[in-house]
Amino acid sequence: MSNDINKRAPDLRTTPVRRQPWMPWVVILGIIVVAALAWAFWPHTSTTNPNAPAQTTTTQPTTTTPPAKTPAQQ
């Protein structure tokens, strides 16, 4: 074993882990996409006014045709 005093010591420092500069934009884009899909596919309630009166009248057709006669009735 050598006891050389000029021997360099190993570098024990760690380099900091740097995030990529585009990573926050990917996260923001993902949140926007998930929010848009949730809004598009979420079951919406009816947009009609619940206080509006319901239309219960039916309209009669303007022209009526007489029922077809069978040959025995002629």
C-alpha atoms as a PDB file:
ATOM      1  CA  MET A   1       0.000   0.000   0.000  1.00  0.00           C
ATOM      2  CA  SER A   2       1.290   3.371  -0.957  1.00  0.00           C
ATOM      3  CA  ASN A   3       1.174   6.342   1.371  1.00  0.00           C
ATOM      4  CA  ASP A   4       1.810   8.967  -1.276  1.00  0.00           C
ATOM      5  CA  ILE A   5       0.981  12.386   0.136  1.00  0.00           C
ATOM      6  CA  ASN A   6       0.548  13.821  -3.347  1.00  0.00           C
ATOM      7  CA  LYS A   7      -2.237  11.378  -4.171  1.00  0.00           C
ATOM      8  CA  ARG A   8      -5.496  13.134  -4.995  1.00  0.00           C
ATOM      9  CA  ALA A   9      -8.432  12.384  -2.782  1.00  0.00           C
ATOM     10  CA  PRO A  10     -11.553  11.126  -4.515  1.00  0.00           C
ATOM     11  CA  ASP A  11     -14.152  13.772  -5.235  1.00  0.00           C
ATOM     12  CA  LEU A  12     -17.044  13.018  -2.883  1.00  0.00           C
ATOM     13  CA  ARG A  13     -19.201  15.973  -3.865  1.00  0.00           C
ATOM     14  CA  THR A  14     -22.488  15.208  -5.534  1.00  0.00           C
ATOM     15  CA  THR A  15     -23.825  17.246  -8.380  1.00  0.00           C
ATOM     16  CA  PRO A  16     -27.294  18.686  -7.812  1.00  0.00           C
ATOM     17  CA  VAL A  17     -30.052  17.089  -9.804  1.00  0.00           C
ATOM     18  CA  ARG A  18     -31.468  19.695 -12.156  1.00  0.00           C
ATOM     19  CA  ARG A  19     -34.892  19.385 -13.639  1.00  0.00           C
ATOM     20  CA  GLN A  20     -35.424  19.993 -17.276  1.00  0.00           C
ATOM     21  CA  PRO A  21     -36.763  23.500 -18.066  1.00  0.00           C
ATOM     22  CA  TRP A  22     -39.657  22.085 -20.122  1.00  0.00           C
ATOM     23  CA  MET A  23     -40.920  19.805 -17.346  1.00  0.00           C
ATOM     24  CA  PRO A  24     -43.252  22.358 -15.650  1.00  0.00           C
ATOM     25  CA  TRP A  25     -44.858  23.109 -19.024  1.00  0.00           C
ATOM     26  CA  VAL A  26     -45.587  19.420 -19.584  1.00  0.00           C
ATOM     27  CA  VAL A  27     -47.236  19.233 -16.159  1.00  0.00           C
ATOM     28  CA  ILE A  28     -49.335  22.343 -16.861  1.00  0.00           C
ATOM     29  CA  LEU A  29     -50.362  20.989 -20.257  1.00  0.00           C
ATOM     30  CA  GLY A  30     -51.335  17.662 -18.667  1.00  0.00           C
ATOM     31  CA  ILE A  31     -53.505  19.415 -16.090  1.00  0.00           C
ATOM     32  CA  ILE A  32     -55.235  21.427 -18.822  1.00  0.00           C
ATOM     33  CA  VAL A  33     -55.905  18.301 -20.905  1.00  0.00           C
ATOM     34  CA  VAL A  34     -57.315  16.396 -17.921  1.00  0.00           C
ATOM     35  CA  ALA A  35     -59.512  19.360 -16.943  1.00  0.00           C
ATOM     36  CA  ALA A  36     -60.809  19.733 -20.519  1.00  0.00           C
ATOM     37  CA  LEU A  37     -61.648  16.046 -20.789  1.00  0.00           C
ATOM     38  CA  ALA A  38     -63.363  16.064 -17.405  1.00  0.00           C
ATOM     39  CA  TRP A  39     -65.425  19.098 -18.395  1.00  0.00           C
ATOM     40  CA  ALA A  40     -66.349  17.601 -21.773  1.00  0.00           C
ATOM     41  CA  PHE A  41     -67.406  14.198 -20.472  1.00  0.00           C
ATOM     42  CA  TRP A  42     -68.874  15.196 -17.090  1.00  0.00           C
ATOM     43  CA  PRO A  43     -72.632  14.486 -16.939  1.00  0.00           C
ATOM     44  CA  HIS A  44     -74.242  17.913 -17.100  1.00  0.00           C
ATOM     45  CA  THR A  45     -77.689  18.658 -15.703  1.00  0.00           C
ATOM     46  CA  SER A  46     -80.419  19.928 -17.930  1.00  0.00           C
ATOM     47  CA  THR A  47     -79.992  23.550 -18.956  1.00  0.00           C
ATOM     48  CA  THR A  48     -83.745  24.209 -19.219  1.00  0.00           C
ATOM     49  CA  ASN A  49     -85.464  26.450 -16.730  1.00  0.00           C
ATOM     50  CA  PRO A  50     -87.146  24.267 -14.071  1.00  0.00           C
ATOM     51  CA  ASN A  51     -89.698  27.034 -13.384  1.00  0.00           C
ATOM     52  CA  ALA A  52     -90.902  27.179 -16.997  1.00  0.00           C
ATOM     53  CA  PRO A  53     -94.343  25.639 -17.573  1.00  0.00           C
ATOM     54  CA  ALA A  54     -94.328  22.340 -19.336  1.00  0.00           C
ATOM     55  CA  GLN A  55     -95.915  22.247 -22.764  1.00  0.00           C
ATOM     56  CA  THR A  56     -98.777  19.766 -22.575  1.00  0.00           C
ATOM     57  CA  THR A  57    -100.817  20.699 -25.622  1.00  0.00           C
ATOM     58  CA  THR A  58    -100.551  18.678 -28.775  1.00  0.00           C
ATOM     59  CA  THR A  59    -101.245  20.024 -32.213  1.00  0.00           C
ATOM     60  CA  GLN A  60    -103.550  18.266 -34.600  1.00  0.00           C
ATOM     61  CA  PRO A  61    -102.331  17.566 -38.114  1.00  0.00           C
ATOM     62  CA  THR A  62    -103.605  20.048 -40.666  1.00  0.00           C
ATOM     63  CA  THR A  63    -104.813  17.426 -43.132  1.00  0.00           C
ATOM     64  CA  THR A  64    -106.550  14.239 -42.175  1.00  0.00           C
ATOM     65  CA  THR A  65    -106.962  11.250 -44.374  1.00  0.00           C
ATOM     66  CA  PRO A  66    -110.023   9.051 -43.956  1.00  0.00           C
ATOM     67  CA  PRO A  67    -109.320   5.510 -42.822  1.00  0.00           C
ATOM     68  CA  ALA A  68    -108.817   3.054 -45.628  1.00  0.00           C
ATOM     69  CA  LYS A  69    -111.879   0.956 -46.490  1.00  0.00           C
ATOM     70  CA  THR A  70    -111.577  -2.718 -46.933  1.00  0.00           C
ATOM     71  CA  PRO A  71    -113.126  -4.260 -50.075  1.00  0.00           C
ATOM     72  CA  ALA A  72    -115.881  -5.859 -47.968  1.00  0.00           C
ATOM     73  CA  GLN A  73    -117.166  -2.457 -46.773  1.00  0.00           C
ATOM     74  CA  GLN A  74    -117.627  -1.001 -50.257  1.00  0.00           C
END
